[in-house]
Protein backbone atom coordinates (compact mmCIF):
# COMPACT_ATOMS: atom_id res chain seq x y z
CA MET A 1 -7.94 27.05 1.97
CA LEU A 2 -9.86 23.91 2.96
CA TYR A 3 -10.55 21.08 0.50
CA THR A 4 -13.45 19.01 1.24
CA SER A 5 -14.81 15.95 -0.53
CA PRO A 6 -17.15 16.37 -3.05
CA LEU A 7 -18.69 12.94 -2.39
CA PRO A 8 -21.02 12.22 0.40
CA SER A 9 -20.77 11.93 3.87
CA VAL A 10 -20.77 8.57 5.35
CA GLU A 11 -21.73 6.90 8.95
CA ILE A 12 -18.62 5.59 10.64
CA PRO A 13 -19.95 2.77 13.01
CA LEU A 14 -17.88 2.58 16.52
CA VAL A 15 -17.06 -1.04 16.40
CA PRO A 16 -13.84 -3.31 16.60
CA ILE A 17 -12.24 -3.74 12.93
CA THR A 18 -13.08 -7.55 12.58
CA GLU A 19 -16.95 -7.02 13.78
CA PHE A 20 -16.94 -4.54 10.88
CA VAL A 21 -15.17 -7.02 8.06
CA LEU A 22 -17.48 -10.00 8.87
CA ARG A 23 -20.57 -7.59 9.17
CA ARG A 24 -22.35 -9.33 6.15
CA VAL A 25 -21.50 -13.02 6.78
CA GLU A 26 -24.82 -13.76 7.39
CA ASP A 27 -25.93 -12.30 3.90
CA HIS A 28 -23.37 -14.57 2.16
CA PRO A 29 -22.02 -17.79 4.20
CA ASP A 30 -21.30 -19.98 1.49
CA ARG A 31 -19.90 -17.35 -0.95
CA PRO A 32 -16.05 -17.72 -0.86
CA ALA A 33 -13.99 -15.13 1.25
CA LEU A 34 -10.72 -16.37 0.61
CA ILE A 35 -9.25 -18.56 -2.12
CA ASP A 36 -5.35 -19.38 -2.26
CA GLY A 37 -4.09 -18.66 -6.13
CA ALA A 38 -1.33 -21.14 -5.89
CA SER A 39 -3.27 -23.97 -4.40
CA GLY A 40 -7.04 -23.14 -4.90
CA ARG A 41 -7.65 -23.85 -0.59
CA THR A 42 -11.06 -21.98 0.07
CA TYR A 43 -12.66 -20.35 3.23
CA SER A 44 -16.10 -19.66 2.92
CA PHE A 45 -17.16 -16.33 4.89
CA ALA A 46 -18.92 -18.41 7.15
CA GLU A 47 -15.77 -20.62 7.87
CA LEU A 48 -13.45 -17.65 7.87
CA SER A 49 -15.44 -16.35 10.84
CA ASP A 50 -15.16 -19.70 12.63
CA VAL A 51 -11.76 -19.92 12.01
CA ILE A 52 -11.01 -16.37 13.48
CA HIS A 53 -12.87 -16.75 16.77
CA ARG A 54 -11.36 -20.35 17.12
CA LEU A 55 -7.88 -19.02 16.79
CA ALA A 56 -8.60 -15.98 18.94
CA GLY A 57 -9.73 -18.49 21.48
CA GLY A 58 -6.60 -20.36 21.41
CA LEU A 59 -4.41 -17.36 21.94
CA ALA A 60 -6.60 -16.33 24.32
CA ALA A 61 -5.86 -19.58 26.19
CA ARG A 62 -2.34 -19.05 25.63
CA GLY A 63 -2.58 -15.77 27.82
CA PHE A 64 -2.44 -13.34 24.82
CA GLY A 65 -4.86 -10.69 25.24
CA PRO A 66 -5.31 -6.63 25.67
CA GLY A 67 -1.79 -4.87 26.00
CA ASP A 68 -0.17 -7.74 24.00
CA THR A 69 1.30 -7.54 20.28
CA LEU A 70 1.48 -10.30 17.86
CA ALA A 71 4.35 -10.22 14.84
CA LEU A 72 2.99 -11.49 11.65
CA MET A 73 5.45 -12.18 8.71
CA ALA A 74 4.15 -14.09 5.79
CA PRO A 75 3.34 -13.42 2.47
CA ASN A 76 -0.25 -13.42 1.03
CA LEU A 77 -2.14 -16.21 2.18
CA PRO A 78 -5.73 -17.05 3.43
CA GLU A 79 -4.27 -17.45 6.74
CA TYR A 80 -3.04 -14.29 7.06
CA ALA A 81 -6.45 -12.72 7.20
CA ILE A 82 -7.35 -15.48 9.70
CA VAL A 83 -4.25 -14.52 11.83
CA PHE A 84 -4.68 -10.96 11.78
CA HIS A 85 -8.33 -11.13 12.74
CA ALA A 86 -7.90 -13.38 15.65
CA VAL A 87 -5.54 -11.23 17.25
CA ALA A 88 -7.88 -8.11 16.82
CA VAL A 89 -10.90 -10.55 18.29
CA ALA A 90 -8.16 -11.23 21.09
CA GLY A 91 -7.58 -7.70 21.94
CA GLY A 92 -3.92 -7.45 20.94
CA VAL A 93 -2.41 -5.58 18.24
CA VAL A 94 -0.61 -7.13 15.04
CA THR A 95 2.48 -5.76 14.06
CA THR A 96 3.01 -6.68 10.27
CA VAL A 97 6.40 -7.29 9.32
CA ASN A 98 8.16 -7.24 5.65
CA PRO A 99 8.95 -11.07 5.17
CA THR A 100 12.24 -10.36 2.90
CA TYR A 101 13.89 -8.51 6.10
CA GLY A 102 16.81 -9.39 7.56
CA ALA A 103 17.25 -11.03 10.73
CA GLU A 104 18.61 -7.45 12.25
CA GLU A 105 15.76 -5.35 10.77
CA ILE A 106 13.06 -8.03 12.02
CA ALA A 107 14.60 -8.10 15.70
CA PHE A 108 14.49 -4.21 15.62
CA GLN A 109 10.78 -4.44 14.82
CA LEU A 110 9.87 -6.99 17.31
CA ARG A 111 11.84 -5.20 20.28
CA ASP A 112 10.29 -1.34 19.30
CA ALA A 113 6.66 -3.03 19.00
CA GLY A 114 7.06 -5.05 21.95
CA ALA A 115 6.07 -8.04 20.54
CA THR A 116 5.66 -11.55 22.48
CA GLU A 117 4.44 -13.95 19.61
CA LEU A 118 5.90 -14.15 16.13
CA ILE A 119 3.86 -15.84 13.49
CA THR A 120 5.31 -16.83 10.17
CA VAL A 121 6.14 -19.34 7.58
CA GLY A 122 8.50 -22.17 7.04
CA MET A 123 10.30 -20.45 4.55
CA PHE A 124 11.02 -17.92 6.65
CA ALA A 125 11.48 -19.73 9.56
CA GLU A 126 15.20 -19.77 10.06
CA VAL A 127 15.53 -16.17 9.72
CA ALA A 128 12.55 -15.71 12.24
CA ALA A 129 14.49 -17.92 14.79
CA ALA A 130 17.62 -15.83 14.42
CA ALA A 131 15.46 -12.90 14.89
CA ILE A 132 13.71 -13.60 18.09
CA ALA A 133 17.17 -14.56 19.80
CA GLU A 134 17.39 -11.03 21.33
CA THR A 135 13.71 -10.76 22.24
CA PRO A 136 11.13 -11.86 24.89
CA ILE A 137 9.78 -14.31 22.41
CA SER A 138 10.48 -17.68 22.94
CA GLU A 139 9.27 -19.63 19.84
CA VAL A 140 8.61 -19.37 16.29
CA ILE A 141 5.04 -20.10 14.99
CA THR A 142 4.29 -21.36 11.57
CA ILE A 143 1.37 -21.79 9.39
CA ASP A 144 2.71 -24.27 7.75
CA GLY A 145 3.63 -26.33 10.44
CA ALA A 146 7.39 -26.14 9.54
CA ASP A 147 9.81 -28.44 11.35
CA ARG A 148 11.25 -27.21 14.65
CA THR A 149 8.43 -24.74 14.84
CA THR A 150 5.34 -24.56 16.73
CA ALA A 151 2.52 -25.42 14.16
CA LEU A 152 -0.18 -22.71 14.01
CA ASP A 153 -2.78 -25.45 13.75
CA SER A 154 -2.30 -26.55 17.32
CA ILE A 155 -3.13 -23.60 18.68
CA PHE A 156 -6.76 -23.27 17.81
CA GLY A 157 -9.17 -23.79 20.66
CA ASP A 158 -12.80 -23.05 21.47
CA PRO A 159 -14.21 -19.76 19.92
CA ILE A 160 -14.44 -16.50 21.93
CA PRO A 161 -16.13 -13.45 21.12
CA GLN A 162 -14.57 -9.88 20.66
CA SER A 163 -12.62 -8.88 23.63
CA PRO A 164 -13.82 -5.78 25.21
CA VAL A 165 -11.95 -2.95 22.94
CA ASN A 166 -12.22 0.86 22.59
CA PRO A 167 -12.47 1.47 18.71
CA VAL A 168 -11.33 4.82 19.09
CA ASP A 169 -8.16 4.42 21.25
CA ASP A 170 -7.03 1.03 20.86
CA VAL A 171 -4.35 0.28 18.71
CA VAL A 172 -5.11 -2.58 16.49
CA VAL A 173 -2.25 -2.68 13.91
CA LEU A 174 1.33 -1.45 13.83
CA PRO A 175 2.69 -1.06 10.58
CA TYR A 176 6.19 0.12 10.04
CA SER A 177 6.82 3.26 7.92
CA SER A 178 9.41 5.65 7.28
CA GLY A 179 7.27 8.63 6.80
CA THR A 180 8.40 11.94 5.47
CA THR A 181 12.03 11.45 6.96
CA GLY A 182 13.94 8.81 8.99
CA LEU A 183 14.28 5.20 10.07
CA PRO A 184 11.05 2.80 10.17
CA LYS A 185 8.30 3.94 13.01
CA GLY A 186 5.37 1.95 14.10
CA VAL A 187 2.21 3.64 13.01
CA MET A 188 -0.56 3.20 15.35
CA LEU A 189 -3.37 2.75 13.80
CA THR A 190 -6.80 2.16 15.88
CA HIS A 191 -9.60 -0.01 14.92
CA HIS A 192 -11.83 3.19 14.41
CA ASN A 193 -9.12 3.97 11.94
CA LEU A 194 -9.35 0.99 9.72
CA VAL A 195 -13.16 0.87 9.98
CA ALA A 196 -13.34 4.62 9.20
CA ASN A 197 -11.20 4.34 5.80
CA ILE A 198 -13.25 1.60 4.59
CA CYS A 199 -16.45 3.34 4.55
CA GLN A 200 -14.82 6.76 3.19
CA CYS A 201 -14.07 4.37 0.21
CA ASP A 202 -17.95 3.44 0.00
CA HIS A 203 -18.63 6.57 -2.84
CA ALA A 204 -15.24 5.94 -4.37
CA ILE A 205 -14.52 2.03 -4.69
CA VAL A 206 -18.08 0.72 -5.46
CA TYR A 207 -18.51 -2.97 -5.28
CA GLN A 208 -21.55 -4.73 -6.46
CA PRO A 209 -23.51 -6.67 -3.91
CA ASP A 210 -24.14 -9.50 -5.54
CA GLY A 211 -20.29 -10.46 -5.22
CA GLU A 212 -16.95 -9.29 -6.90
CA VAL A 213 -13.90 -11.09 -7.55
CA ALA A 214 -10.51 -9.63 -6.54
CA LEU A 215 -6.82 -10.13 -6.86
CA ALA A 216 -4.44 -9.83 -4.09
CA PHE A 217 -0.66 -9.75 -4.87
CA LEU A 218 0.07 -6.76 -3.28
CA PRO A 219 1.32 -7.27 0.16
CA PHE A 220 -1.04 -7.78 3.06
CA PHE A 221 1.72 -6.61 5.56
CA HIS A 222 1.68 -3.26 3.42
CA ILE A 223 -1.11 -0.71 4.51
CA TYR A 224 -2.44 -0.82 0.99
CA GLY A 225 -2.51 -4.62 0.65
CA MET A 226 -4.03 -4.74 4.29
CA GLN A 227 -6.79 -2.54 4.22
CA VAL A 228 -7.81 -1.77 0.35
CA LEU A 229 -7.52 -5.63 -0.47
CA MET A 230 -7.80 -7.64 2.74
CA ASN A 231 -10.31 -5.69 4.69
CA GLY A 232 -11.72 -3.57 2.32
CA LEU A 233 -12.72 -6.57 -0.10
CA LEU A 234 -13.77 -8.91 2.88
CA ALA A 235 -16.00 -6.11 4.49
CA ASN A 236 -17.56 -5.62 1.34
CA GLY A 237 -18.59 -9.19 0.72
CA VAL A 238 -15.69 -9.51 -2.26
CA THR A 239 -13.75 -13.11 -2.93
CA VAL A 240 -10.13 -12.51 -2.28
CA VAL A 241 -7.95 -14.51 -4.31
CA THR A 242 -4.26 -14.70 -3.05
CA LEU A 243 -0.93 -14.74 -4.37
CA PRO A 244 2.27 -14.86 -2.39
CA ARG A 245 4.35 -13.13 -4.88
CA PHE A 246 3.89 -11.12 -8.25
CA ASP A 247 4.31 -13.11 -11.16
CA LEU A 248 2.68 -11.76 -14.45
CA GLU A 249 1.83 -14.76 -16.34
CA GLN A 250 0.31 -16.22 -12.91
CA ALA A 251 -1.69 -13.08 -12.25
CA LEU A 252 -2.95 -13.07 -15.73
CA SER A 253 -3.93 -16.79 -15.70
CA LEU A 254 -5.98 -16.19 -12.27
CA VAL A 255 -7.61 -13.29 -13.83
CA GLN A 256 -8.72 -15.68 -16.64
CA ALA A 257 -9.68 -18.84 -14.41
CA HIS A 258 -11.47 -16.87 -11.43
CA ARG A 259 -12.91 -14.25 -13.53
CA ILE A 260 -11.29 -11.32 -11.53
CA THR A 261 -12.99 -8.53 -11.67
CA ARG A 262 -10.91 -5.98 -9.53
CA PHE A 263 -7.15 -6.04 -10.02
CA PHE A 264 -5.40 -3.96 -7.61
CA ALA A 265 -1.84 -2.74 -8.63
CA VAL A 266 1.11 -0.48 -8.46
CA PRO A 267 2.69 1.43 -11.62
CA PRO A 268 5.25 -1.30 -12.87
CA VAL A 269 2.75 -3.51 -12.76
CA VAL A 270 0.24 -1.12 -15.05
CA LEU A 271 3.20 -0.79 -17.32
CA ALA A 272 3.52 -4.36 -17.57
CA LEU A 273 -0.41 -4.67 -18.60
CA ALA A 274 0.65 -1.57 -20.87
CA LYS A 275 3.36 -3.35 -22.73
CA HIS A 276 4.15 -6.81 -21.88
CA PRO A 277 3.24 -9.50 -24.96
CA ALA A 278 2.01 -11.91 -22.60
CA VAL A 279 -1.01 -9.77 -21.85
CA ASP A 280 -2.26 -10.24 -25.15
CA SER A 281 -2.41 -14.31 -24.23
CA TYR A 282 -5.08 -14.06 -21.58
CA ASP A 283 -8.58 -13.71 -21.43
CA LEU A 284 -9.17 -10.31 -19.50
CA SER A 285 -12.72 -9.46 -20.32
CA SER A 286 -13.80 -10.05 -16.71
CA LEU A 287 -11.97 -7.00 -15.46
CA VAL A 288 -14.07 -3.89 -14.46
CA GLN A 289 -11.27 -1.86 -12.66
CA VAL A 290 -7.51 -1.58 -12.44
CA PHE A 291 -6.72 0.55 -9.59
CA SER A 292 -3.11 1.80 -9.08
CA GLY A 293 -1.64 3.20 -5.63
CA ALA A 294 1.62 3.48 -4.06
CA ALA A 295 3.25 5.50 -6.22
CA PRO A 296 2.53 7.97 -8.92
CA LEU A 297 1.00 6.43 -12.28
CA GLY A 298 1.61 8.44 -15.71
CA ALA A 299 -1.57 9.53 -17.41
CA GLU A 300 0.08 8.28 -20.85
CA ILE A 301 0.60 4.59 -19.28
CA ALA A 302 -2.47 4.49 -17.30
CA MET A 303 -4.55 5.29 -20.93
CA GLU A 304 -2.33 3.17 -22.81
CA ALA A 305 -3.00 0.02 -20.21
CA GLU A 306 -6.88 1.22 -20.25
CA LYS A 307 -6.94 0.75 -24.51
CA ARG A 308 -5.19 -2.57 -24.15
CA ILE A 309 -7.20 -4.55 -21.63
CA GLY A 310 -10.55 -2.77 -22.39
CA CYS A 311 -11.25 -1.35 -18.52
CA GLU A 312 -10.89 1.45 -16.35
CA VAL A 313 -7.61 2.34 -15.14
CA VAL A 314 -7.66 4.68 -12.31
CA GLN A 315 -5.40 5.88 -9.32
CA GLY A 316 -5.86 6.50 -5.90
CA TYR A 317 -3.23 8.34 -3.14
CA GLY A 318 -2.73 7.13 0.54
CA MET A 319 0.09 6.43 3.12
CA THR A 320 0.42 4.16 6.15
CA GLU A 321 -0.24 7.38 8.55
CA LEU A 322 -3.56 7.74 6.66
CA SER A 323 -4.95 4.17 7.00
CA PRO A 324 -4.23 4.47 4.33
CA VAL A 325 -6.71 6.21 1.53
CA SER A 326 -7.22 10.17 1.48
CA HIS A 327 -7.55 10.71 -2.18
CA THR A 328 -9.23 8.04 -4.97
CA THR A 329 -11.28 8.15 -8.14
CA PRO A 330 -14.58 7.26 -7.70
CA PRO A 331 -16.72 5.75 -10.96
CA GLY A 332 -16.85 8.20 -13.89
CA MET A 333 -14.61 10.60 -12.40
CA PHE A 334 -11.34 9.49 -14.15
CA LYS A 335 -8.88 12.57 -14.82
CA ALA A 336 -5.71 11.64 -16.74
CA GLY A 337 -2.76 11.90 -14.10
CA SER A 338 -5.15 12.80 -11.56
CA SER A 339 -5.00 10.51 -8.26
CA GLY A 340 -8.78 11.46 -7.55
CA VAL A 341 -10.71 13.54 -5.16
CA THR A 342 -10.67 13.93 -1.34
CA VAL A 343 -12.60 10.79 -0.01
CA SER A 344 -15.70 11.15 2.52
CA ASN A 345 -15.10 13.03 5.58
CA THR A 346 -11.71 14.38 4.87
CA GLU A 347 -10.32 17.83 4.33
CA SER A 348 -7.30 18.59 2.25
CA ARG A 349 -4.82 21.77 2.11
CA ILE A 350 -2.14 22.46 -0.34
CA VAL A 351 0.60 24.76 1.77
CA ASP A 352 3.62 26.29 1.06
CA PRO A 353 6.32 24.23 2.74
CA ASP A 354 8.64 27.48 2.84
CA THR A 355 5.97 29.80 4.52
CA GLY A 356 2.96 27.70 5.66
CA GLU A 357 0.66 29.82 3.36
CA ASP A 358 -2.48 27.92 2.53
CA LEU A 359 -2.58 27.81 -1.67
CA PRO A 360 -5.09 28.18 -3.99
CA PHE A 361 -6.46 25.75 -6.66
CA GLY A 362 -3.68 24.94 -9.48
CA GLU A 363 -0.71 25.92 -7.09
CA ARG A 364 1.89 23.26 -6.00
CA GLY A 365 2.55 22.59 -2.32
CA GLU A 366 2.70 20.10 0.28
CA LEU A 367 -0.38 17.83 0.71
CA TRP A 368 -1.86 18.02 4.45
CA VAL A 369 -4.87 15.92 5.28
CA ARG A 370 -6.97 15.69 8.02
CA GLY A 371 -10.05 12.93 9.09
CA PRO A 372 -10.80 10.17 11.08
CA GLN A 373 -8.27 7.55 9.26
CA VAL A 374 -4.99 9.62 10.60
CA MET A 375 -2.99 7.86 12.54
CA LYS A 376 -3.13 7.78 16.33
CA GLY A 377 0.93 8.47 16.08
CA TYR A 378 4.10 6.94 15.79
CA LEU A 379 5.01 4.28 18.49
CA ASN A 380 7.56 5.59 21.10
CA ASN A 381 8.54 8.71 19.17
CA ALA A 382 6.55 11.57 20.41
CA GLU A 383 9.26 13.93 18.45
CA ALA A 384 8.23 11.97 14.87
CA THR A 385 4.85 12.33 15.52
CA ALA A 386 4.94 16.21 16.34
CA ALA A 387 6.70 16.37 13.01
CA THR A 388 4.29 14.69 11.04
CA LEU A 389 1.04 15.37 13.00
CA ASP A 390 0.28 19.11 14.39
CA SER A 391 -1.86 19.92 16.99
CA ASP A 392 -4.86 20.88 15.10
CA GLY A 393 -4.61 17.01 13.58
CA TRP A 394 -3.37 17.74 10.08
CA LEU A 395 -1.11 15.05 8.64
CA HIS A 396 2.00 16.70 6.90
CA THR A 397 2.23 13.96 4.21
CA GLY A 398 5.76 15.16 2.92
CA ASP A 399 4.33 14.91 -1.18
CA VAL A 400 4.26 18.02 -3.25
CA ALA A 401 0.54 18.10 -4.95
CA ILE A 402 -1.64 20.40 -6.86
CA ILE A 403 -5.29 20.02 -6.42
CA ASP A 404 -7.22 21.86 -9.63
CA GLU A 405 -10.94 23.57 -9.78
CA ASP A 406 -12.71 20.02 -10.33
CA HIS A 407 -11.29 19.15 -7.10
CA HIS A 408 -8.71 16.53 -8.29
CA MET A 409 -5.60 15.97 -6.69
CA THR A 410 -2.37 15.57 -8.52
CA ILE A 411 0.89 14.18 -6.88
CA VAL A 412 3.76 16.30 -8.40
CA ASP A 413 6.88 15.01 -6.01
CA ARG A 414 8.15 14.39 -2.75
CA VAL A 415 9.40 17.43 -0.93
CA LYS A 416 12.34 15.80 0.19
CA GLU A 417 12.84 13.92 -3.36
CA LEU A 418 12.99 17.39 -5.18
CA ILE A 419 16.19 18.01 -7.21
CA LYS A 420 17.72 21.45 -6.83
CA TYR A 421 19.02 22.38 -10.28
CA ASN A 422 20.77 25.99 -10.41
CA GLY A 423 17.69 26.93 -7.98
CA PHE A 424 14.85 25.39 -9.85
CA GLN A 425 12.99 22.58 -8.48
CA VAL A 426 12.94 19.54 -10.58
CA PRO A 427 10.27 16.76 -9.84
CA PRO A 428 11.74 13.19 -10.45
CA ALA A 429 8.35 11.91 -10.98
CA GLU A 430 7.60 14.12 -13.78
CA LEU A 431 10.62 13.24 -15.70
CA GLU A 432 9.89 9.33 -15.00
CA ALA A 433 6.24 9.91 -16.20
CA LEU A 434 8.02 11.03 -19.63
CA LEU A 435 10.53 9.07 -20.17
CA VAL A 436 8.39 5.47 -19.41
CA THR A 437 6.50 6.52 -22.32
CA HIS A 438 9.41 6.03 -24.85
CA PRO A 439 8.86 2.78 -26.81
CA ASP A 440 12.50 1.80 -25.85
CA VAL A 441 12.02 2.28 -21.92
CA ASN A 442 10.74 -0.62 -19.76
CA ASP A 443 11.50 1.40 -16.53
CA VAL A 444 13.23 4.29 -15.01
CA ALA A 445 13.85 6.19 -11.87
CA VAL A 446 15.17 9.64 -11.84
CA ILE A 447 17.35 11.12 -8.76
CA GLY A 448 20.04 13.98 -8.07
CA ILE A 449 23.47 13.67 -8.29
CA PRO A 450 25.47 16.22 -6.20
CA ASP A 451 27.22 19.00 -8.43
CA GLU A 452 29.45 21.88 -7.13
CA SER A 453 28.33 24.19 -9.96
CA VAL A 454 24.59 23.56 -10.04
CA GLY A 455 23.48 22.02 -6.82
CA GLU A 456 22.26 18.65 -8.60
CA LEU A 457 22.47 16.88 -11.69
CA PRO A 458 18.96 14.87 -12.65
CA LYS A 459 20.49 11.56 -13.43
CA ALA A 460 18.24 8.79 -15.07
CA PHE A 461 18.32 5.20 -14.42
CA ILE A 462 16.96 3.15 -17.52
CA VAL A 463 16.01 -0.52 -17.98
CA ARG A 464 16.06 -1.00 -21.64
CA SER A 465 12.74 -2.44 -23.47
CA PRO A 466 14.17 -6.18 -24.78
CA GLY A 467 16.08 -6.27 -27.57
CA SER A 468 16.31 -2.02 -27.69
CA SER A 469 19.64 -0.46 -28.57
CA VAL A 470 18.48 3.11 -27.58
CA THR A 471 21.44 5.54 -26.35
CA ALA A 472 21.57 7.82 -23.67
CA GLU A 473 21.95 10.61 -26.47
CA ASP A 474 18.52 9.38 -27.80
CA LEU A 475 16.81 9.58 -24.29
CA GLN A 476 18.23 12.92 -23.45
CA ALA A 477 17.31 14.50 -26.77
CA PHE A 478 13.78 13.25 -26.08
CA VAL A 479 13.55 14.43 -22.65
CA ALA A 480 14.45 17.55 -24.16
CA GLU A 481 11.83 17.92 -26.83
CA HIS A 482 9.18 18.00 -23.70
CA VAL A 483 10.73 20.09 -20.69
CA ALA A 484 12.21 23.08 -19.88
CA SER A 485 15.89 23.31 -19.90
CA TYR A 486 16.47 23.02 -15.88
CA LYS A 487 14.77 19.68 -16.31
CA HIS A 488 16.77 18.03 -18.95
CA ILE A 489 18.49 14.74 -18.16
CA ARG A 490 21.99 15.45 -17.54
CA LEU A 491 23.12 11.79 -16.79
CA VAL A 492 21.94 8.59 -18.01
CA GLU A 493 22.72 4.83 -16.46
CA PHE A 494 21.53 1.78 -17.90
CA VAL A 495 20.74 -0.93 -15.31
CA ASP A 496 18.85 -4.27 -15.50
CA GLU A 497 16.29 -3.50 -13.08
CA ILE A 498 15.16 -0.29 -10.71
CA PRO A 499 14.98 -1.61 -6.61
CA LYS A 500 11.45 -1.24 -5.46
CA SER A 501 9.87 -1.61 -2.46
CA ALA A 502 7.41 -4.44 -2.02
CA SER A 503 4.71 -1.64 -2.43
CA GLY A 504 6.37 -0.57 -5.56
CA LYS A 505 7.94 2.68 -4.74
CA ILE A 506 11.39 3.45 -6.02
CA LEU A 507 14.09 3.08 -3.50
CA ARG A 508 15.62 5.95 -4.34
CA ARG A 509 18.32 5.84 -1.05
CA LEU A 510 20.06 2.57 -3.21
CA LEU A 511 20.05 4.72 -6.31
CA ARG A 512 21.95 7.61 -5.07
CA ASP A 513 24.38 4.79 -2.85
CA GLN A 514 25.52 3.74 -6.07
CA GLY A 515 25.48 7.11 -7.75
């Protein structure tokens, strides 16, 4: 059973990603394109186009071009977009590196991606130098010209036009993802993948043509920040205010100062918007939408945040392998708890993971997706590619979902994260969404703990609200009032924080390691 998009189809031009992102520069050359939230440093759209092509020329003069890969390891800064697109114009590939990685993790990615250049910032220069020791990379280039590094400013040259590329076949970016299982793998995304996905969101994330302003603290090295924010915003003429790391009060002050209209977030940030007392101290009246992604957002928290800040709070769904969006919530189509509808030019299926049979409306199964945003495959890993991407082009997401009769898709859980209790499947996300509605709970994660008699025991790790003395028994009783007996929380541990990735996903492996 195929679920197609209820949204109109879109035309997807066969052009390189940078040409597409800069498509409207002549319409608004003096409009601010990128503003550094910390310093106020600004590039207009015309200036952005100029520096991208001059840096591309400098890279080409160094011998960098088609077939070469550059590693970019930096926080969100205006120069991130400049480096990213200069590499694309030069015909190369960017591999985006998490700057919180240690030297061994960085070195693995550099070797696996075949990177020959590394650009970072002074803060990470020391770990970068350690990482390149066993790679072909001979120098560390820094955006801020740190000591004992090559300054990025010294590389700029004469501007060059776009190097010839085949948009459909040529990879332009290699973010790393664990996919549904295993160690990080390079996700091969082509120019066409990126262009397609921005176009596919045309009827789902609708920007005003006279210019909007968005806050970008979600990391550009992650596909959500890279595509929905950096590339998607610039392609639509939106001014992007960058923030190197999330700080609630700094983010709120930037919303107030720049009259931010679009606030992209992850569930823990939406939770803060709903509950943190600091929110009341800032003028957030400019906001027209808060958009949450990267992990399921509980319906109650979304509605609580919406009521408090006075604008729509919606969510979408995606993954690195989907460039990243396959489902999102168009204006006027909000549905509590839903990740929205299938985006344009995309098909979805809900498949029973045990039998491989398609399931009808309302039944839960693994979400499969097919469309022009689906990755080319995993770099150097045919086996992992075949396990995730079948011969008919369907990407098996590893997420358990339901599609209802209104074509809205709701993520229920991960296939591999389901807790098995006495033969019943217990979805952690369902229990987390319930527990976080408790006034004494600031954050929560639920995992399964091995047990000889029942298989696994659902255990909740709880971050109490400030000043709260809520007990394990209180929370267990609260859950028991709302769910079937097999979903009851059997164990509770109070912690100071829930470990999460930079994209906001709970690091359940770390919780399992500590029991």
